[in-house]
Amino acid sequence: MKPLNYAILKHFTKVKESCADDVIEALKGEYGNFKALNKKAVINALMTAEANGLIEETKFDLDSNKELRVYYHANQDGIDTINKYIRD
């Protein structure tokens, strides 16, 4: 099993775009018992990945609770970098 932050990054190599809620949903089967698999920690991981140039914002909207959702995607350079350092 990969560290959670690695799994979050690898998620973006397999999807067109995702928000924190999508990431949590996708990873909860394998990482559901991890304390760090919560919205605040995942948002922090996504913002760090964006600051490091691995993913970029694509859009934002409001969820049903009127909370902001930011969507990200990995461009081809980001995907190549993630796959170079994090193997399946």
PDB file of N, CA and C in Angstrom:
ATOM      1  N   MET A   1       0.851  -1.180   0.000  1.00  0.00           N
ATOM      2  CA  MET A   1       0.000   0.000   0.000  1.00  0.00           C
ATOM      3  C   MET A   1       0.897   1.244   0.000  1.00  0.00           C
ATOM      4  N   LYS A   2       0.564   2.184  -0.880  1.00  0.00           N
ATOM      5  CA  LYS A   2       1.313   3.435  -0.977  1.00  0.00           C
ATOM      6  C   LYS A   2       0.931   4.371   0.179  1.00  0.00           C
ATOM      7  N   PRO A   3       1.820   5.318   0.507  1.00  0.00           N
ATOM      8  CA  PRO A   3       1.407   6.367   1.441  1.00  0.00           C
ATOM      9  C   PRO A   3       0.206   7.127   0.852  1.00  0.00           C
ATOM     10  N   LEU A   4      -0.634   7.656   1.704  1.00  0.00           N
ATOM     11  CA  LEU A   4      -1.860   8.309   1.267  1.00  0.00           C
ATOM     12  C   LEU A   4      -1.592   9.446   0.276  1.00  0.00           C
ATOM     13  N   ASN A   5      -0.611  10.283   0.544  1.00  0.00           N
ATOM     14  CA  ASN A   5      -0.338  11.394  -0.380  1.00  0.00           C
ATOM     15  C   ASN A   5       0.066  10.885  -1.752  1.00  0.00           C
ATOM     16  N   TYR A   6       0.776   9.779  -1.820  1.00  0.00           N
ATOM     17  CA  TYR A   6       1.121   9.182  -3.112  1.00  0.00           C
ATOM     18  C   TYR A   6      -0.136   8.709  -3.824  1.00  0.00           C
ATOM     19  N   ALA A   7      -1.032   8.082  -3.075  1.00  0.00           N
ATOM     20  CA  ALA A   7      -2.288   7.592  -3.664  1.00  0.00           C
ATOM     21  C   ALA A   7      -3.128   8.756  -4.185  1.00  0.00           C
ATOM     22  N   ILE A   8      -3.116   9.871  -3.476  1.00  0.00           N
ATOM     23  CA  ILE A   8      -3.851  11.052  -3.939  1.00  0.00           C
ATOM     24  C   ILE A   8      -3.286  11.521  -5.272  1.00  0.00           C
ATOM     25  N   LEU A   9      -1.970  11.617  -5.368  1.00  0.00           N
ATOM     26  CA  LEU A   9      -1.343  12.039  -6.625  1.00  0.00           C
ATOM     27  C   LEU A   9      -1.628  11.049  -7.749  1.00  0.00           C
ATOM     28  N   LYS A  10      -1.483   9.752  -7.475  1.00  0.00           N
ATOM     29  CA  LYS A  10      -1.734   8.738  -8.502  1.00  0.00           C
ATOM     30  C   LYS A  10      -3.176   8.789  -8.999  1.00  0.00           C
ATOM     31  N   HIS A  11      -4.098   9.174  -8.134  1.00  0.00           N
ATOM     32  CA  HIS A  11      -5.502   9.306  -8.532  1.00  0.00           C
ATOM     33  C   HIS A  11      -5.626  10.244  -9.735  1.00  0.00           C
ATOM     34  N   PHE A  12      -4.832  11.307  -9.746  1.00  0.00           N
ATOM     35  CA  PHE A  12      -4.925  12.290 -10.821  1.00  0.00           C
ATOM     36  C   PHE A  12      -4.308  11.820 -12.122  1.00  0.00           C
ATOM     37  N   THR A  13      -3.630  10.693 -12.105  1.00  0.00           N
ATOM     38  CA  THR A  13      -3.113  10.121 -13.347  1.00  0.00           C
ATOM     39  C   THR A  13      -4.163   9.236 -14.019  1.00  0.00           C
ATOM     40  N   LYS A  14      -5.282   9.017 -13.328  1.00  0.00           N
ATOM     41  CA  LYS A  14      -6.300   8.091 -13.818  1.00  0.00           C
ATOM     42  C   LYS A  14      -7.648   8.741 -14.113  1.00  0.00           C
ATOM     43  N   VAL A  15      -7.795  10.031 -13.769  1.00  0.00           N
ATOM     44  CA  VAL A  15      -9.073  10.719 -13.960  1.00  0.00           C
ATOM     45  C   VAL A  15      -8.866  12.016 -14.725  1.00  0.00           C
ATOM     46  N   LYS A  16      -9.929  12.495 -15.339  1.00  0.00           N
ATOM     47  CA  LYS A  16      -9.853  13.762 -16.072  1.00  0.00           C
ATOM     48  C   LYS A  16      -9.709  14.934 -15.106  1.00  0.00           C
ATOM     49  N   GLU A  17     -10.528  14.948 -14.050  1.00  0.00           N
ATOM     50  CA  GLU A  17     -10.453  15.963 -13.001  1.00  0.00           C
ATOM     51  C   GLU A  17     -11.148  15.448 -11.760  1.00  0.00           C
ATOM     52  N   SER A  18     -10.799  16.039 -10.607  1.00  0.00           N
ATOM     53  CA  SER A  18     -11.378  15.626  -9.335  1.00  0.00           C
ATOM     54  C   SER A  18     -11.315  16.768  -8.345  1.00  0.00           C
ATOM     55  N   CYS A  19     -12.234  16.726  -7.389  1.00  0.00           N
ATOM     56  CA  CYS A  19     -12.189  17.633  -6.236  1.00  0.00           C
ATOM     57  C   CYS A  19     -11.859  16.783  -5.006  1.00  0.00           C
ATOM     58  N   ALA A  20     -11.706  17.411  -3.871  1.00  0.00           N
ATOM     59  CA  ALA A  20     -11.352  16.691  -2.643  1.00  0.00           C
ATOM     60  C   ALA A  20     -12.383  15.605  -2.317  1.00  0.00           C
ATOM     61  N   ASP A  21     -13.664  15.919  -2.489  1.00  0.00           N
ATOM     62  CA  ASP A  21     -14.704  14.923  -2.204  1.00  0.00           C
ATOM     63  C   ASP A  21     -14.572  13.701  -3.113  1.00  0.00           C
ATOM     64  N   ASP A  22     -14.252  13.934  -4.387  1.00  0.00           N
ATOM     65  CA  ASP A  22     -14.062  12.830  -5.324  1.00  0.00           C
ATOM     66  C   ASP A  22     -12.869  11.962  -4.917  1.00  0.00           C
ATOM     67  N   VAL A  23     -11.796  12.607  -4.491  1.00  0.00           N
ATOM     68  CA  VAL A  23     -10.594  11.880  -4.069  1.00  0.00           C
ATOM     69  C   VAL A  23     -10.909  11.005  -2.861  1.00  0.00           C
ATOM     70  N   ILE A  24     -11.595  11.578  -1.887  1.00  0.00           N
ATOM     71  CA  ILE A  24     -11.958  10.823  -0.681  1.00  0.00           C
ATOM     72  C   ILE A  24     -12.817   9.621  -1.051  1.00  0.00           C
ATOM     73  N   GLU A  25     -13.799   9.834  -1.898  1.00  0.00           N
ATOM     74  CA  GLU A  25     -14.682   8.744  -2.323  1.00  0.00           C
ATOM     75  C   GLU A  25     -13.901   7.649  -3.044  1.00  0.00           C
ATOM     76  N   ALA A  26     -12.983   8.050  -3.906  1.00  0.00           N
ATOM     77  CA  ALA A  26     -12.207   7.074  -4.681  1.00  0.00           C
ATOM     78  C   ALA A  26     -11.256   6.269  -3.806  1.00  0.00           C
ATOM     79  N   LEU A  27     -10.744   6.866  -2.744  1.00  0.00           N
ATOM     80  CA  LEU A  27      -9.724   6.196  -1.931  1.00  0.00           C
ATOM     81  C   LEU A  27     -10.253   5.569  -0.646  1.00  0.00           C
ATOM     82  N   LYS A  28     -11.506   5.810  -0.303  1.00  0.00           N
ATOM     83  CA  LYS A  28     -11.975   5.331   1.000  1.00  0.00           C
ATOM     84  C   LYS A  28     -12.035   3.803   1.114  1.00  0.00           C
ATOM     85  N   GLY A  29     -12.138   3.103   0.007  1.00  0.00           N
ATOM     86  CA  GLY A  29     -12.122   1.643   0.080  1.00  0.00           C
ATOM     87  C   GLY A  29     -10.820   1.111   0.641  1.00  0.00           C
ATOM     88  N   GLU A  30      -9.710   1.667   0.187  1.00  0.00           N
ATOM     89  CA  GLU A  30      -8.390   1.206   0.619  1.00  0.00           C
ATOM     90  C   GLU A  30      -7.828   2.007   1.797  1.00  0.00           C
ATOM     91  N   TYR A  31      -8.183   3.277   1.890  1.00  0.00           N
ATOM     92  CA  TYR A  31      -7.594   4.164   2.895  1.00  0.00           C
ATOM     93  C   TYR A  31      -8.620   4.704   3.890  1.00  0.00           C
ATOM     94  N   GLY A  32      -9.801   4.116   3.920  1.00  0.00           N
ATOM     95  CA  GLY A  32     -10.884   4.606   4.757  1.00  0.00           C
ATOM     96  C   GLY A  32     -10.583   4.680   6.236  1.00  0.00           C
ATOM     97  N   ASN A  33      -9.649   3.878   6.709  1.00  0.00           N
ATOM     98  CA  ASN A  33      -9.323   3.891   8.138  1.00  0.00           C
ATOM     99  C   ASN A  33      -8.188   4.861   8.475  1.00  0.00           C
ATOM    100  N   PHE A  34      -7.674   5.580   7.491  1.00  0.00           N
ATOM    101  CA  PHE A  34      -6.616   6.564   7.721  1.00  0.00           C
ATOM    102  C   PHE A  34      -7.239   7.854   8.260  1.00  0.00           C
ATOM    103  N   LYS A  35      -6.703   8.370   9.362  1.00  0.00           N
ATOM    104  CA  LYS A  35      -7.199   9.626   9.921  1.00  0.00           C
ATOM    105  C   LYS A  35      -7.030  10.784   8.949  1.00  0.00           C
ATOM    106  N   ALA A  36      -6.002  10.741   8.123  1.00  0.00           N
ATOM    107  CA  ALA A  36      -5.713  11.833   7.198  1.00  0.00           C
ATOM    108  C   ALA A  36      -6.624  11.827   5.977  1.00  0.00           C
ATOM    109  N   LEU A  37      -7.468  10.827   5.821  1.00  0.00           N
ATOM    110  CA  LEU A  37      -8.408  10.828   4.693  1.00  0.00           C
ATOM    111  C   LEU A  37      -9.655  11.598   5.118  1.00  0.00           C
ATOM    112  N   ASN A  38      -9.468  12.901   5.278  1.00  0.00           N
ATOM    113  CA  ASN A  38     -10.565  13.806   5.597  1.00  0.00           C
ATOM    114  C   ASN A  38     -10.440  15.022   4.687  1.00  0.00           C
ATOM    115  N   LYS A  39     -11.506  15.773   4.597  1.00  0.00           N
ATOM    116  CA  LYS A  39     -11.566  16.854   3.614  1.00  0.00           C
ATOM    117  C   LYS A  39     -10.451  17.886   3.815  1.00  0.00           C
ATOM    118  N   LYS A  40     -10.219  18.297   5.051  1.00  0.00           N
ATOM    119  CA  LYS A  40      -9.201  19.317   5.312  1.00  0.00           C
ATOM    120  C   LYS A  40      -7.812  18.840   4.881  1.00  0.00           C
ATOM    121  N   ALA A  41      -7.455  17.614   5.236  1.00  0.00           N
ATOM    122  CA  ALA A  41      -6.130  17.085   4.902  1.00  0.00           C
ATOM    123  C   ALA A  41      -5.982  16.861   3.399  1.00  0.00           C
ATOM    124  N   VAL A  42      -7.032  16.399   2.750  1.00  0.00           N
ATOM    125  CA  VAL A  42      -6.972  16.172   1.303  1.00  0.00           C
ATOM    126  C   VAL A  42      -6.859  17.507   0.564  1.00  0.00           C
ATOM    127  N   ILE A  43      -7.600  18.510   0.996  1.00  0.00           N
ATOM    128  CA  ILE A  43      -7.481  19.837   0.382  1.00  0.00           C
ATOM    129  C   ILE A  43      -6.061  20.355   0.539  1.00  0.00           C
ATOM    130  N   ASN A  44      -5.480  20.166   1.709  1.00  0.00           N
ATOM    131  CA  ASN A  44      -4.099  20.589   1.938  1.00  0.00           C
ATOM    132  C   ASN A  44      -3.140  19.859   0.991  1.00  0.00           C
ATOM    133  N   ALA A  45      -3.335  18.559   0.812  1.00  0.00           N
ATOM    134  CA  ALA A  45      -2.484  17.785  -0.096  1.00  0.00           C
ATOM    135  C   ALA A  45      -2.646  18.270  -1.537  1.00  0.00           C
ATOM    136  N   LEU A  46      -3.881  18.586  -1.930  1.00  0.00           N
ATOM    137  CA  LEU A  46      -4.129  19.066  -3.290  1.00  0.00           C
ATOM    138  C   LEU A  46      -3.496  20.436  -3.513  1.00  0.00           C
ATOM    139  N   MET A  47      -3.585  21.309  -2.532  1.00  0.00           N
ATOM    140  CA  MET A  47      -2.979  22.632  -2.666  1.00  0.00           C
ATOM    141  C   MET A  47      -1.451  22.532  -2.729  1.00  0.00           C
ATOM    142  N   THR A  48      -0.885  21.600  -1.990  1.00  0.00           N
ATOM    143  CA  THR A  48       0.559  21.378  -2.039  1.00  0.00           C
ATOM    144  C   THR A  48       0.974  20.855  -3.407  1.00  0.00           C
ATOM    145  N   ALA A  49       0.206  19.901  -3.925  1.00  0.00           N
ATOM    146  CA  ALA A  49       0.503  19.355  -5.256  1.00  0.00           C
ATOM    147  C   ALA A  49       0.390  20.448  -6.316  1.00  0.00           C
ATOM    148  N   GLU A  50      -0.590  21.332  -6.169  1.00  0.00           N
ATOM    149  CA  GLU A  50      -0.722  22.435  -7.114  1.00  0.00           C
ATOM    150  C   GLU A  50       0.474  23.380  -7.006  1.00  0.00           C
ATOM    151  N   ALA A  51       0.876  23.716  -5.788  1.00  0.00           N
ATOM    152  CA  ALA A  51       2.018  24.617  -5.591  1.00  0.00           C
ATOM    153  C   ALA A  51       3.302  24.026  -6.172  1.00  0.00           C
ATOM    154  N   ASN A  52       3.387  22.713  -6.199  1.00  0.00           N
ATOM    155  CA  ASN A  52       4.555  22.035  -6.749  1.00  0.00           C
ATOM    156  C   ASN A  52       4.430  21.755  -8.246  1.00  0.00           C
ATOM    157  N   GLY A  53       3.347  22.215  -8.864  1.00  0.00           N
ATOM    158  CA  GLY A  53       3.183  22.098 -10.304  1.00  0.00           C
ATOM    159  C   GLY A  53       2.763  20.732 -10.806  1.00  0.00           C
ATOM    160  N   LEU A  54       2.273  19.871  -9.927  1.00  0.00           N
ATOM    161  CA  LEU A  54       1.858  18.527 -10.344  1.00  0.00           C
ATOM    162  C   LEU A  54       0.424  18.488 -10.842  1.00  0.00           C
ATOM    163  N   ILE A  55      -0.428  19.336 -10.281  1.00  0.00           N
ATOM    164  CA  ILE A  55      -1.819  19.434 -10.709  1.00  0.00           C
ATOM    165  C   ILE A  55      -2.157  20.920 -10.840  1.00  0.00           C
ATOM    166  N   GLU A  56      -3.288  21.199 -11.501  1.00  0.00           N
ATOM    167  CA  GLU A  56      -3.719  22.583 -11.645  1.00  0.00           C
ATOM    168  C   GLU A  56      -5.231  22.673 -11.538  1.00  0.00           C
ATOM    169  N   GLU A  57      -5.714  23.831 -11.093  1.00  0.00           N
ATOM    170  CA  GLU A  57      -7.158  24.051 -10.974  1.00  0.00           C
ATOM    171  C   GLU A  57      -7.804  24.037 -12.350  1.00  0.00           C
ATOM    172  N   THR A  58      -8.992  23.442 -12.411  1.00  0.00           N
ATOM    173  CA  THR A  58      -9.750  23.459 -13.659  1.00  0.00           C
ATOM    174  C   THR A  58     -11.042  24.252 -13.529  1.00  0.00           C
ATOM    175  N   LYS A  59     -11.700  24.145 -12.381  1.00  0.00           N
ATOM    176  CA  LYS A  59     -12.954  24.873 -12.166  1.00  0.00           C
ATOM    177  C   LYS A  59     -13.293  24.832 -10.684  1.00  0.00           C
ATOM    178  N   PHE A  60     -14.313  25.581 -10.320  1.00  0.00           N
ATOM    179  CA  PHE A  60     -14.843  25.493  -8.967  1.00  0.00           C
ATOM    180  C   PHE A  60     -16.327  25.733  -8.995  1.00  0.00           C
ATOM    181  N   ASP A  61     -17.005  25.177  -7.974  1.00  0.00           N
ATOM    182  CA  ASP A  61     -18.443  25.352  -7.827  1.00  0.00           C
ATOM    183  C   ASP A  61     -18.805  25.202  -6.361  1.00  0.00           C
ATOM    184  N   LEU A  62     -20.094  25.213  -6.068  1.00  0.00           N
ATOM    185  CA  LEU A  62     -20.573  25.007  -4.704  1.00  0.00           C
ATOM    186  C   LEU A  62     -21.274  23.665  -4.624  1.00  0.00           C
ATOM    187  N   ASP A  63     -21.030  22.944  -3.517  1.00  0.00           N
ATOM    188  CA  ASP A  63     -21.727  21.676  -3.331  1.00  0.00           C
ATOM    189  C   ASP A  63     -23.123  21.944  -2.768  1.00  0.00           C
ATOM    190  N   SER A  64     -23.844  20.903  -2.415  1.00  0.00           N
ATOM    191  CA  SER A  64     -25.226  21.054  -1.929  1.00  0.00           C
ATOM    192  C   SER A  64     -25.297  21.791  -0.589  1.00  0.00           C
ATOM    193  N   ASN A  65     -24.183  21.838   0.137  1.00  0.00           N
ATOM    194  CA  ASN A  65     -24.125  22.569   1.411  1.00  0.00           C
ATOM    195  C   ASN A  65     -23.582  23.981   1.232  1.00  0.00           C
ATOM    196  N   LYS A  66     -23.462  24.412  -0.008  1.00  0.00           N
ATOM    197  CA  LYS A  66     -22.933  25.736  -0.348  1.00  0.00           C
ATOM    198  C   LYS A  66     -21.469  25.906   0.058  1.00  0.00           C
ATOM    199  N   GLU A  67     -20.721  24.796   0.069  1.00  0.00           N
ATOM    200  CA  GLU A  67     -19.278  24.844   0.327  1.00  0.00           C
ATOM    201  C   GLU A  67     -18.544  24.813  -1.008  1.00  0.00           C
ATOM    202  N   LEU A  68     -17.462  25.565  -1.082  1.00  0.00           N
ATOM    203  CA  LEU A  68     -16.679  25.646  -2.304  1.00  0.00           C
ATOM    204  C   LEU A  68     -15.991  24.317  -2.602  1.00  0.00           C
ATOM    205  N   ARG A  69     -16.096  23.873  -3.851  1.00  0.00           N
ATOM    206  CA  ARG A  69     -15.359  22.708  -4.337  1.00  0.00           C
ATOM    207  C   ARG A  69     -14.428  23.180  -5.443  1.00  0.00           C
ATOM    208  N   VAL A  70     -13.161  22.871  -5.294  1.00  0.00           N
ATOM    209  CA  VAL A  70     -12.177  23.219  -6.314  1.00  0.00           C
ATOM    210  C   VAL A  70     -11.789  21.927  -7.019  1.00  0.00           C
ATOM    211  N   TYR A  71     -11.860  21.941  -8.332  1.00  0.00           N
ATOM    212  CA  TYR A  71     -11.500  20.780  -9.142  1.00  0.00           C
ATOM    213  C   TYR A  71     -10.103  20.982  -9.712  1.00  0.00           C
ATOM    214  N   TYR A  72      -9.365  19.881  -9.779  1.00  0.00           N
ATOM    215  CA  TYR A  72      -7.993  19.897 -10.291  1.00  0.00           C
ATOM    216  C   TYR A  72      -7.838  18.808 -11.341  1.00  0.00           C
ATOM    217  N   HIS A  73      -6.807  18.957 -12.160  1.00  0.00           N
ATOM    218  CA  HIS A  73      -6.410  17.888 -13.060  1.00  0.00           C
ATOM    219  C   HIS A  73      -4.897  17.932 -13.189  1.00  0.00           C
ATOM    220  N   ALA A  74      -4.345  16.823 -13.619  1.00  0.00           N
ATOM    221  CA  ALA A  74      -2.909  16.757 -13.898  1.00  0.00           C
ATOM    222  C   ALA A  74      -2.733  16.839 -15.404  1.00  0.00           C
ATOM    223  N   ASN A  75      -1.942  17.818 -15.860  1.00  0.00           N
ATOM    224  CA  ASN A  75      -1.637  17.868 -17.290  1.00  0.00           C
ATOM    225  C   ASN A  75      -0.615  16.771 -17.602  1.00  0.00           C
ATOM    226  N   GLN A  76      -0.247  16.620 -18.848  1.00  0.00           N
ATOM    227  CA  GLN A  76       0.633  15.503 -19.223  1.00  0.00           C
ATOM    228  C   GLN A  76       1.993  15.574 -18.525  1.00  0.00           C
ATOM    229  N   ASP A  77       2.547  16.770 -18.359  1.00  0.00           N
ATOM    230  CA  ASP A  77       3.820  16.889 -17.641  1.00  0.00           C
ATOM    231  C   ASP A  77       3.675  16.437 -16.188  1.00  0.00           C
ATOM    232  N   GLY A  78       2.557  16.828 -15.559  1.00  0.00           N
ATOM    233  CA  GLY A  78       2.301  16.405 -14.184  1.00  0.00           C
ATOM    234  C   GLY A  78       2.138  14.903 -14.082  1.00  0.00           C
ATOM    235  N   ILE A  79       1.394  14.325 -15.014  1.00  0.00           N
ATOM    236  CA  ILE A  79       1.196  12.872 -15.028  1.00  0.00           C
ATOM    237  C   ILE A  79       2.533  12.164 -15.198  1.00  0.00           C
ATOM    238  N   ASP A  80       3.346  12.650 -16.131  1.00  0.00           N
ATOM    239  CA  ASP A  80       4.665  12.030 -16.363  1.00  0.00           C
ATOM    240  C   ASP A  80       5.537  12.113 -15.122  1.00  0.00           C
ATOM    241  N   THR A  81       5.528  13.247 -14.444  1.00  0.00           N
ATOM    242  CA  THR A  81       6.333  13.408 -13.230  1.00  0.00           C
ATOM    243  C   THR A  81       5.836  12.498 -12.123  1.00  0.00           C
ATOM    244  N   ILE A  82       4.527  12.470 -11.912  1.00  0.00           N
ATOM    245  CA  ILE A  82       3.963  11.591 -10.879  1.00  0.00           C
ATOM    246  C   ILE A  82       4.319  10.141 -11.155  1.00  0.00           C
ATOM    247  N   ASN A  83       4.124   9.701 -12.401  1.00  0.00           N
ATOM    248  CA  ASN A  83       4.411   8.317 -12.742  1.00  0.00           C
ATOM    249  C   ASN A  83       5.900   7.983 -12.674  1.00  0.00           C
ATOM    250  N   LYS A  84       6.744   8.973 -12.904  1.00  0.00           N
ATOM    251  CA  LYS A  84       8.192   8.749 -12.819  1.00  0.00           C
ATOM    252  C   LYS A  84       8.617   8.428 -11.385  1.00  0.00           C
ATOM    253  N   TYR A  85       8.037   9.119 -10.421  1.00  0.00           N
ATOM    254  CA  TYR A  85       8.456   8.973  -9.023  1.00  0.00           C
ATOM    255  C   TYR A  85       7.584   8.030  -8.205  1.00  0.00           C
ATOM    256  N   ILE A  86       6.363   7.792  -8.647  1.00  0.00           N
ATOM    257  CA  ILE A  86       5.465   6.898  -7.910  1.00  0.00           C
ATOM    258  C   ILE A  86       5.013   5.798  -8.843  1.00  0.00           C
ATOM    259  N   ARG A  87       5.551   4.646  -8.663  1.00  0.00           N
ATOM    260  CA  ARG A  87       5.231   3.495  -9.518  1.00  0.00           C
ATOM    261  C   ARG A  87       3.960   2.811  -9.047  1.00  0.00           C
ATOM    262  N   ASP A  88       3.268   2.165  -9.974  1.00  0.00           N
ATOM    263  CA  ASP A  88       2.069   1.387  -9.611  1.00  0.00           C
ATOM    264  C   ASP A  88       2.451   0.096  -8.922  1.00  0.00           C
TER     265      ASP A  88
END
